[in-house]
Amino acid sequence: MSDLKTTPLTELHESLGAKMVPFAGYAMPVQYPLGIMKEHIHTREKAGLFDVSHMGQVILRGESFEAVAKAFEKLVPMDVLGLSEGRQRYGLFTNDAGGIEDDLMFANRGDHLFVVVNAACKEADIARMTAALEPEIKVEPVTGRALVALQGPAAEAALEALVPGVAAMKFMDVATLEYAGAELWISRSGYTGEDGYEISVPNAVAENLAKSLLEHPDVEAIGLGARDSLRLEGGLCLYGHDIDTETRPFEATLGWAIQKVRRPDGARAGGFPGADAIFADLGGNAPRKRVGLKPEGRAPMREGVVLYATSEGGAPIGTITSGGFGPTVGGPVAMGYVTAEHAAIDTQIFGELRGKRVPVTVAKLPFVAANFKR
């Protein structure tokens, strides 16, 4: 643990009794004394505070936002140019085979693009952007700022009490607001399926902000354990597990993130890595599909469980990529990939656990409906 990086909130986590674990090269809280199950339920019912400072924050600047957007579209299949100021969008870095190098969020902040990438991929992502965009576009990794997420139905009231103005924001809005004399970069988004915010905050006031939020009776500190079960119930992909360099967007049911303008016959069709391979999956042509899965009984099926069409014999038809117990669902839930012919909702398949094939039903995603403020 002594060799791991820390975040500006590490001392606070330790003072709150967090169990710290290695994650993407950082010492991160996996749970607090409340426990993963109660942390999960508290976030669904009230509000949870997450430290996500290990994520990468990057600013892209050029002679204009239009110049930045056009350059960035060479790396992602998303409509960046059409993104309105003060709005954020989900994106994907793709490779020449159409696989996903990382998933990310990007925001139009007027004179620049603000990008948030996954912790485990941030060095590679920064190198990718630097090689592809500079010198015309300046790639500026953000240092000196923490990143926290406040998630749950009580998040709006808790944050509005400290930072007036956030209540007026809608899902995927971004805003710059002040707290304790410091500039907060806030988006109304998150990774739980609940309403909430992600807040980039200068290190100097990060602990103060976190403590002030935790003083609210509806806010509890939440660790990585509950973050994972919340995002799984929300049907949200975890990079390196549900999506990776060999997963194409339409296989991952992320085709919705590729706007019409970037698709064939769109005004700015293609022009990003792997466009031909990705477009080949259009119209239901992807050979496999990410699906929700509900195992029979109470035993969770974890990542790596092999899936079969029948209770005996036959070749594998897929694999589970994320799985565990869903506290809100009240039973085991999982996501994984199956061949297209077995991807229909309510299809019964089988997962092999300890040499025995257990029935699994293909289920609609998300397991828990999203609660975003539209």
Protein backbone atom coordinates (compact mmCIF):
# COMPACT_ATOMS: atom_id res chain seq x y z
CA MET A 1 0.00 0.00 0.00
CA SER A 2 2.91 2.35 0.70
CA ASP A 3 3.85 2.32 -3.00
CA LEU A 4 0.40 3.46 -4.13
CA LYS A 5 -0.62 6.97 -5.08
CA THR A 6 -3.01 8.78 -2.77
CA THR A 7 -5.78 11.31 -3.37
CA PRO A 8 -6.34 14.64 -1.57
CA LEU A 9 -9.03 12.84 0.50
CA THR A 10 -6.95 9.86 1.69
CA GLU A 11 -6.57 11.18 5.25
CA LEU A 12 -10.31 11.80 5.42
CA HIS A 13 -11.04 8.23 4.28
CA GLU A 14 -8.75 6.85 6.96
CA SER A 15 -10.32 9.05 9.65
CA LEU A 16 -13.75 7.72 8.63
CA GLY A 17 -12.56 4.13 9.12
CA ALA A 18 -12.37 3.19 5.45
CA LYS A 19 -10.89 -0.11 4.35
CA MET A 20 -8.28 0.94 1.77
CA VAL A 21 -7.36 -1.28 -1.20
CA PRO A 22 -5.15 -0.93 -4.30
CA PHE A 23 -7.10 0.25 -7.36
CA ALA A 24 -5.57 1.50 -10.63
CA GLY A 25 -2.35 2.35 -8.80
CA TYR A 26 -4.09 4.27 -6.00
CA ALA A 27 -5.01 3.54 -2.42
CA MET A 28 -8.80 3.80 -2.53
CA PRO A 29 -11.63 3.15 -0.04
CA VAL A 30 -13.51 -0.05 -0.88
CA GLN A 31 -15.94 0.36 2.03
CA TYR A 32 -16.57 2.19 5.29
CA PRO A 33 -17.90 0.83 8.62
CA LEU A 34 -21.46 1.10 7.26
CA GLY A 35 -20.66 -1.79 4.89
CA ILE A 36 -21.15 -2.26 1.15
CA MET A 37 -24.80 -3.36 1.32
CA LYS A 38 -25.92 -0.41 3.44
CA GLU A 39 -23.76 2.02 1.46
CA HIS A 40 -25.45 0.83 -1.73
CA ILE A 41 -28.98 1.18 -0.33
CA HIS A 42 -28.18 4.57 1.23
CA THR A 43 -27.10 5.91 -2.17
CA ARG A 44 -30.28 4.63 -3.81
CA GLU A 45 -32.49 6.14 -1.09
CA LYS A 46 -30.59 9.28 -0.03
CA ALA A 47 -27.11 10.37 -1.16
CA GLY A 48 -23.59 8.95 -1.28
CA LEU A 49 -20.26 10.76 -1.60
CA PHE A 50 -17.57 9.05 -3.69
CA ASP A 51 -13.91 9.96 -4.14
CA VAL A 52 -13.09 9.55 -7.83
CA SER A 53 -9.92 11.64 -7.80
CA HIS A 54 -7.99 8.78 -9.38
CA MET A 55 -9.73 9.52 -12.70
CA GLY A 56 -7.88 11.55 -15.32
CA GLN A 57 -8.93 15.16 -15.95
CA VAL A 58 -7.70 16.78 -19.18
CA ILE A 59 -8.28 20.12 -20.90
CA LEU A 60 -7.99 20.47 -24.69
CA ARG A 61 -7.41 23.97 -26.05
CA GLY A 62 -7.07 25.35 -29.57
CA GLU A 63 -7.69 28.53 -31.50
CA SER A 64 -11.45 27.89 -31.09
CA PHE A 65 -13.81 25.29 -29.69
CA GLU A 66 -14.67 24.36 -33.28
CA ALA A 67 -11.00 23.58 -33.98
CA VAL A 68 -10.77 21.44 -30.84
CA ALA A 69 -14.02 19.62 -31.62
CA LYS A 70 -13.04 18.79 -35.21
CA ALA A 71 -9.66 17.48 -34.05
CA PHE A 72 -11.19 15.39 -31.24
CA GLU A 73 -13.66 13.81 -33.68
CA LYS A 74 -10.67 12.10 -35.31
CA LEU A 75 -10.35 10.03 -32.11
CA VAL A 76 -13.99 9.36 -31.14
CA PRO A 77 -17.15 8.34 -33.08
CA MET A 78 -19.19 11.02 -31.27
CA ASP A 79 -20.62 14.36 -32.37
CA VAL A 80 -18.27 16.77 -30.60
CA LEU A 81 -18.79 19.74 -32.91
CA GLY A 82 -22.55 19.73 -32.28
CA LEU A 83 -22.23 19.67 -28.49
CA SER A 84 -23.68 22.85 -27.03
CA GLU A 85 -21.72 24.99 -24.58
CA GLY A 86 -22.43 23.90 -21.02
CA ARG A 87 -23.24 20.32 -22.04
CA GLN A 88 -21.46 16.99 -21.59
CA ARG A 89 -21.50 13.77 -23.63
CA TYR A 90 -20.38 10.14 -23.23
CA GLY A 91 -17.61 9.07 -25.58
CA LEU A 92 -15.32 6.24 -26.65
CA PHE A 93 -11.73 6.11 -27.87
CA THR A 94 -11.62 3.42 -30.57
CA ASN A 95 -8.79 1.55 -32.27
CA ASP A 96 -8.22 0.50 -35.89
CA ALA A 97 -10.08 -2.79 -35.35
CA GLY A 98 -13.12 -0.95 -33.94
CA GLY A 99 -12.33 -1.98 -30.36
CA ILE A 100 -12.74 0.36 -27.40
CA GLU A 101 -9.52 1.80 -25.92
CA ASP A 102 -11.40 3.64 -23.15
CA ASP A 103 -14.75 5.23 -22.38
CA LEU A 104 -14.87 8.83 -21.23
CA MET A 105 -16.90 11.99 -20.69
CA PHE A 106 -16.28 15.22 -22.58
CA ALA A 107 -17.79 18.66 -22.01
CA ASN A 108 -18.02 21.89 -23.99
CA ARG A 109 -16.79 24.54 -21.57
CA GLY A 110 -16.90 27.42 -24.02
CA ASP A 111 -13.30 28.00 -25.02
CA HIS A 112 -12.08 24.45 -24.37
CA LEU A 113 -13.05 20.78 -24.13
CA PHE A 114 -12.90 19.14 -20.69
CA VAL A 115 -12.31 15.38 -20.79
CA VAL A 116 -12.53 12.85 -17.94
CA VAL A 117 -10.98 9.42 -18.56
CA ASN A 118 -10.60 6.20 -16.57
CA ALA A 119 -7.80 5.94 -14.02
CA ALA A 120 -6.22 2.78 -15.42
CA CYS A 121 -6.16 4.24 -18.95
CA LYS A 122 -5.30 7.87 -18.29
CA GLU A 123 -1.58 7.74 -19.15
CA ALA A 124 -2.31 5.93 -22.42
CA ASP A 125 -5.22 8.28 -23.15
CA ILE A 126 -3.11 11.38 -22.58
CA ALA A 127 -0.38 9.94 -24.81
CA ARG A 128 -2.99 9.13 -27.48
CA MET A 129 -4.42 12.65 -27.41
CA THR A 130 -0.99 14.27 -27.37
CA ALA A 131 0.24 12.26 -30.38
CA ALA A 132 -2.90 12.87 -32.39
CA LEU A 133 -3.75 16.47 -31.50
CA GLU A 134 -0.62 18.47 -30.70
CA PRO A 135 0.73 20.98 -31.62
CA GLU A 136 -2.49 22.45 -33.09
CA ILE A 137 -4.46 21.42 -30.00
CA LYS A 138 -2.82 21.73 -26.60
CA VAL A 139 -3.36 18.75 -24.29
CA GLU A 140 -3.27 19.86 -20.64
CA PRO A 141 -3.52 17.17 -17.94
CA VAL A 142 -5.22 18.77 -14.95
CA THR A 143 -3.23 18.66 -11.73
CA GLY A 144 -4.07 20.08 -8.33
CA ARG A 145 -7.76 19.15 -8.46
CA ALA A 146 -9.69 16.34 -6.80
CA LEU A 147 -12.82 14.79 -8.27
CA VAL A 148 -15.80 13.75 -6.14
CA ALA A 149 -19.23 12.39 -7.01
CA LEU A 150 -22.40 13.02 -5.02
CA GLN A 151 -25.06 10.52 -6.07
CA GLY A 152 -28.63 9.77 -5.07
CA PRO A 153 -32.07 11.41 -4.81
CA ALA A 154 -30.94 13.71 -1.97
CA ALA A 155 -27.83 14.89 -3.86
CA GLU A 156 -29.51 18.00 -5.27
CA ALA A 157 -30.66 19.35 -1.91
CA ALA A 158 -27.37 18.54 -0.17
CA LEU A 159 -25.21 20.25 -2.80
CA GLU A 160 -27.55 23.21 -3.39
CA ALA A 161 -27.25 24.10 0.32
CA LEU A 162 -23.50 24.59 -0.19
CA VAL A 163 -23.31 25.60 -3.84
CA PRO A 164 -26.39 27.59 -4.90
CA GLY A 165 -27.25 27.09 -8.56
CA VAL A 166 -26.77 23.34 -8.96
CA ALA A 167 -30.49 22.60 -8.56
CA ALA A 168 -31.19 24.37 -11.86
CA MET A 169 -28.88 22.01 -13.76
CA LYS A 170 -30.31 19.17 -15.85
CA PHE A 171 -28.77 15.77 -16.63
CA MET A 172 -25.47 16.22 -18.51
CA ASP A 173 -25.31 19.98 -17.90
CA VAL A 174 -21.95 21.39 -16.83
CA ALA A 175 -21.38 24.59 -14.88
CA THR A 176 -18.66 26.54 -13.10
CA LEU A 177 -19.75 27.64 -9.63
CA GLU A 178 -18.00 28.95 -6.54
CA TYR A 179 -17.42 27.34 -3.16
CA ALA A 180 -15.25 28.81 -0.38
CA GLY A 181 -13.65 31.19 -2.86
CA ALA A 182 -12.69 28.31 -5.19
CA GLU A 183 -13.94 27.42 -8.67
CA LEU A 184 -15.87 24.16 -8.93
CA TRP A 185 -16.35 22.45 -12.30
CA ILE A 186 -19.63 20.57 -11.91
CA SER A 187 -21.50 18.16 -14.16
CA ARG A 188 -24.90 16.68 -13.41
CA SER A 189 -23.96 13.09 -14.10
CA GLY A 190 -22.53 10.01 -12.43
CA TYR A 191 -21.95 6.28 -12.46
CA THR A 192 -24.79 4.89 -10.35
CA GLY A 193 -27.93 5.35 -12.42
CA GLU A 194 -29.10 7.87 -9.83
CA ASP A 195 -29.37 11.64 -10.08
CA GLY A 196 -26.23 13.38 -8.92
CA TYR A 197 -23.14 15.40 -9.66
CA GLU A 198 -19.44 15.01 -10.38
CA ILE A 199 -17.39 17.88 -8.99
CA SER A 200 -13.83 18.86 -9.90
CA VAL A 201 -12.52 20.79 -6.91
CA PRO A 202 -9.12 22.37 -6.14
CA ASN A 203 -7.09 20.24 -3.73
CA ALA A 204 -6.93 23.09 -1.22
CA VAL A 205 -10.68 22.97 -0.53
CA ALA A 206 -11.46 19.33 -1.45
CA GLU A 207 -11.47 18.03 2.13
CA ASN A 208 -13.48 21.01 3.32
CA LEU A 209 -16.11 20.39 0.65
CA ALA A 210 -16.25 16.66 1.40
CA LYS A 211 -16.61 17.22 5.15
CA SER A 212 -19.30 19.85 4.62
CA LEU A 213 -21.28 17.47 2.39
CA LEU A 214 -20.90 14.65 4.93
CA GLU A 215 -22.35 16.90 7.62
CA HIS A 216 -25.66 16.77 5.76
CA PRO A 217 -27.87 14.14 7.45
CA ASP A 218 -28.66 12.45 4.12
CA VAL A 219 -25.04 12.06 2.93
CA GLU A 220 -22.74 9.12 3.68
CA ALA A 221 -19.24 8.29 2.42
CA ILE A 222 -19.40 5.43 -0.10
CA GLY A 223 -16.58 3.16 -1.29
CA LEU A 224 -15.66 1.30 -4.47
CA GLY A 225 -17.60 -1.80 -3.45
CA ALA A 226 -20.98 -0.09 -3.53
CA ARG A 227 -19.94 1.96 -6.56
CA ASP A 228 -19.50 -1.31 -8.43
CA SER A 229 -22.82 -2.84 -7.35
CA LEU A 230 -24.66 0.42 -8.12
CA ARG A 231 -23.23 0.71 -11.64
CA LEU A 232 -23.93 -2.99 -12.29
CA GLU A 233 -27.60 -2.59 -11.35
CA GLY A 234 -27.58 0.51 -13.55
CA GLY A 235 -26.34 -1.54 -16.53
CA LEU A 236 -23.20 0.62 -16.83
CA CYS A 237 -19.98 -0.78 -18.30
CA LEU A 238 -16.72 -1.05 -16.38
CA TYR A 239 -13.73 -0.58 -18.66
CA GLY A 240 -11.40 -3.58 -18.73
CA HIS A 241 -14.28 -5.87 -17.87
CA ASP A 242 -17.48 -5.21 -19.87
CA ILE A 243 -15.66 -3.30 -22.61
CA ASP A 244 -12.06 -3.49 -23.79
CA THR A 245 -9.80 -3.20 -26.82
CA GLU A 246 -11.50 -6.17 -28.49
CA THR A 247 -15.09 -5.01 -27.89
CA ARG A 248 -16.82 -2.97 -30.58
CA PRO A 249 -19.49 -0.38 -29.63
CA PHE A 250 -22.53 -2.14 -31.13
CA GLU A 251 -21.55 -5.44 -29.48
CA ALA A 252 -21.49 -3.56 -26.19
CA THR A 253 -24.93 -2.03 -26.95
CA LEU A 254 -23.26 1.39 -26.92
CA GLY A 255 -24.33 2.24 -30.45
CA TRP A 256 -26.66 4.93 -29.01
CA ALA A 257 -23.54 6.96 -28.21
CA ILE A 258 -22.65 7.27 -31.92
CA GLN A 259 -24.75 10.16 -33.19
CA LYS A 260 -26.34 10.14 -36.66
CA VAL A 261 -23.98 12.81 -37.98
CA ARG A 262 -21.00 10.44 -37.51
CA ARG A 263 -22.70 7.38 -39.03
CA PRO A 264 -22.78 6.40 -42.73
CA ASP A 265 -24.54 9.12 -44.75
CA GLY A 266 -24.05 11.58 -41.87
CA ALA A 267 -22.53 15.01 -42.53
CA ARG A 268 -19.27 13.97 -40.81
CA ALA A 269 -19.44 10.20 -41.24
CA GLY A 270 -16.46 8.12 -40.14
CA GLY A 271 -13.01 9.61 -39.88
CA PHE A 272 -12.32 7.91 -36.55
CA PRO A 273 -10.28 4.75 -35.85
CA GLY A 274 -12.05 1.53 -36.81
CA ALA A 275 -15.02 3.21 -38.50
CA ASP A 276 -15.44 0.49 -41.16
CA ALA A 277 -15.35 -2.34 -38.59
CA ILE A 278 -17.81 -0.51 -36.34
CA PHE A 279 -20.21 0.31 -39.18
CA ALA A 280 -20.18 -3.35 -40.26
CA ASP A 281 -22.10 -4.11 -37.03
CA LEU A 282 -24.94 -1.71 -37.89
CA GLY A 283 -28.41 -3.12 -38.45
CA GLY A 284 -28.06 -5.93 -35.94
CA ASN A 285 -25.02 -7.47 -37.60
CA ALA A 286 -22.87 -7.67 -34.46
CA PRO A 287 -22.11 -11.37 -33.85
CA ARG A 288 -22.50 -11.04 -30.09
CA LYS A 289 -24.24 -8.70 -27.69
CA ARG A 290 -23.86 -7.44 -24.13
CA VAL A 291 -26.90 -8.49 -22.11
CA GLY A 292 -28.25 -8.41 -18.59
CA LEU A 293 -28.33 -11.76 -16.83
CA LYS A 294 -30.28 -13.02 -13.82
CA PRO A 295 -28.93 -16.27 -12.35
CA GLU A 296 -31.40 -18.62 -10.71
CA GLY A 297 -31.14 -18.86 -6.92
CA ARG A 298 -29.10 -16.67 -4.58
CA ALA A 299 -25.52 -17.42 -5.63
CA PRO A 300 -23.89 -14.61 -7.66
CA MET A 301 -22.13 -15.45 -10.90
CA ARG A 302 -18.89 -13.50 -11.19
CA GLU A 303 -16.74 -12.36 -14.07
CA GLY A 304 -15.34 -15.26 -16.09
CA VAL A 305 -18.28 -17.66 -15.70
CA VAL A 306 -18.76 -19.44 -19.03
CA LEU A 307 -22.27 -19.46 -20.55
CA TYR A 308 -23.92 -22.31 -22.49
CA ALA A 309 -27.15 -22.71 -24.44
CA THR A 310 -28.04 -26.02 -22.79
CA SER A 311 -27.72 -27.73 -19.42
CA GLU A 312 -25.37 -30.35 -20.86
CA GLY A 313 -22.90 -30.46 -23.75
CA GLY A 314 -22.45 -27.94 -26.51
CA ALA A 315 -19.91 -25.19 -27.12
CA PRO A 316 -19.83 -22.02 -25.00
CA ILE A 317 -22.04 -19.17 -26.23
CA GLY A 318 -20.58 -16.41 -24.06
CA THR A 319 -19.02 -15.24 -20.83
CA ILE A 320 -20.01 -13.14 -17.83
CA THR A 321 -18.00 -9.91 -17.61
CA SER A 322 -19.46 -8.41 -14.39
CA GLY A 323 -21.51 -10.08 -11.69
CA GLY A 324 -22.50 -9.89 -8.06
CA PHE A 325 -25.40 -9.43 -5.69
CA GLY A 326 -27.77 -6.56 -6.47
CA PRO A 327 -28.97 -5.12 -3.15
CA THR A 328 -31.80 -3.13 -4.75
CA VAL A 329 -32.83 -6.04 -6.97
CA GLY A 330 -32.60 -8.41 -4.01
CA GLY A 331 -30.72 -11.14 -5.87
CA PRO A 332 -27.75 -11.90 -8.10
CA VAL A 333 -27.30 -9.86 -11.27
CA ALA A 334 -24.70 -9.97 -14.01
CA MET A 335 -23.75 -8.68 -17.44
CA GLY A 336 -21.96 -10.54 -20.15
CA TYR A 337 -21.74 -11.33 -23.85
CA VAL A 338 -23.70 -13.99 -25.69
CA THR A 339 -24.03 -14.86 -29.36
CA ALA A 340 -26.68 -12.75 -31.09
CA GLU A 341 -29.07 -15.70 -31.44
CA HIS A 342 -29.22 -16.07 -27.64
CA ALA A 343 -29.52 -12.36 -26.77
CA ALA A 344 -33.32 -11.98 -26.70
CA ILE A 345 -34.89 -10.96 -23.38
CA ASP A 346 -36.18 -13.95 -21.34
CA THR A 347 -33.95 -16.46 -23.15
CA GLN A 348 -32.85 -19.17 -20.72
CA ILE A 349 -29.19 -20.13 -20.85
CA PHE A 350 -26.80 -21.72 -18.34
CA GLY A 351 -23.74 -20.57 -16.44
CA GLU A 352 -21.19 -23.11 -15.26
CA LEU A 353 -20.48 -22.82 -11.53
CA ARG A 354 -18.10 -25.33 -9.92
CA GLY A 355 -18.73 -27.88 -12.67
CA LYS A 356 -22.53 -27.53 -12.54
CA ARG A 357 -24.65 -25.62 -15.05
CA VAL A 358 -27.08 -23.23 -13.35
CA PRO A 359 -30.01 -21.63 -15.22
CA VAL A 360 -29.61 -17.95 -16.14
CA THR A 361 -32.22 -15.72 -17.78
CA VAL A 362 -31.33 -12.96 -20.24
CA ALA A 363 -32.76 -9.78 -18.67
CA LYS A 364 -33.45 -6.21 -19.74
CA LEU A 365 -30.88 -3.59 -18.82
CA PRO A 366 -30.72 -1.63 -16.61
CA PHE A 367 -31.83 -3.79 -13.69
CA VAL A 368 -32.77 -0.59 -11.80
CA ALA A 369 -34.33 2.23 -13.85
CA ALA A 370 -32.26 5.39 -14.17
CA ASN A 371 -33.32 8.33 -12.02
CA PHE A 372 -31.70 11.20 -13.95
CA LYS A 373 -33.14 14.73 -13.90
CA ARG A 374 -34.04 15.38 -17.54
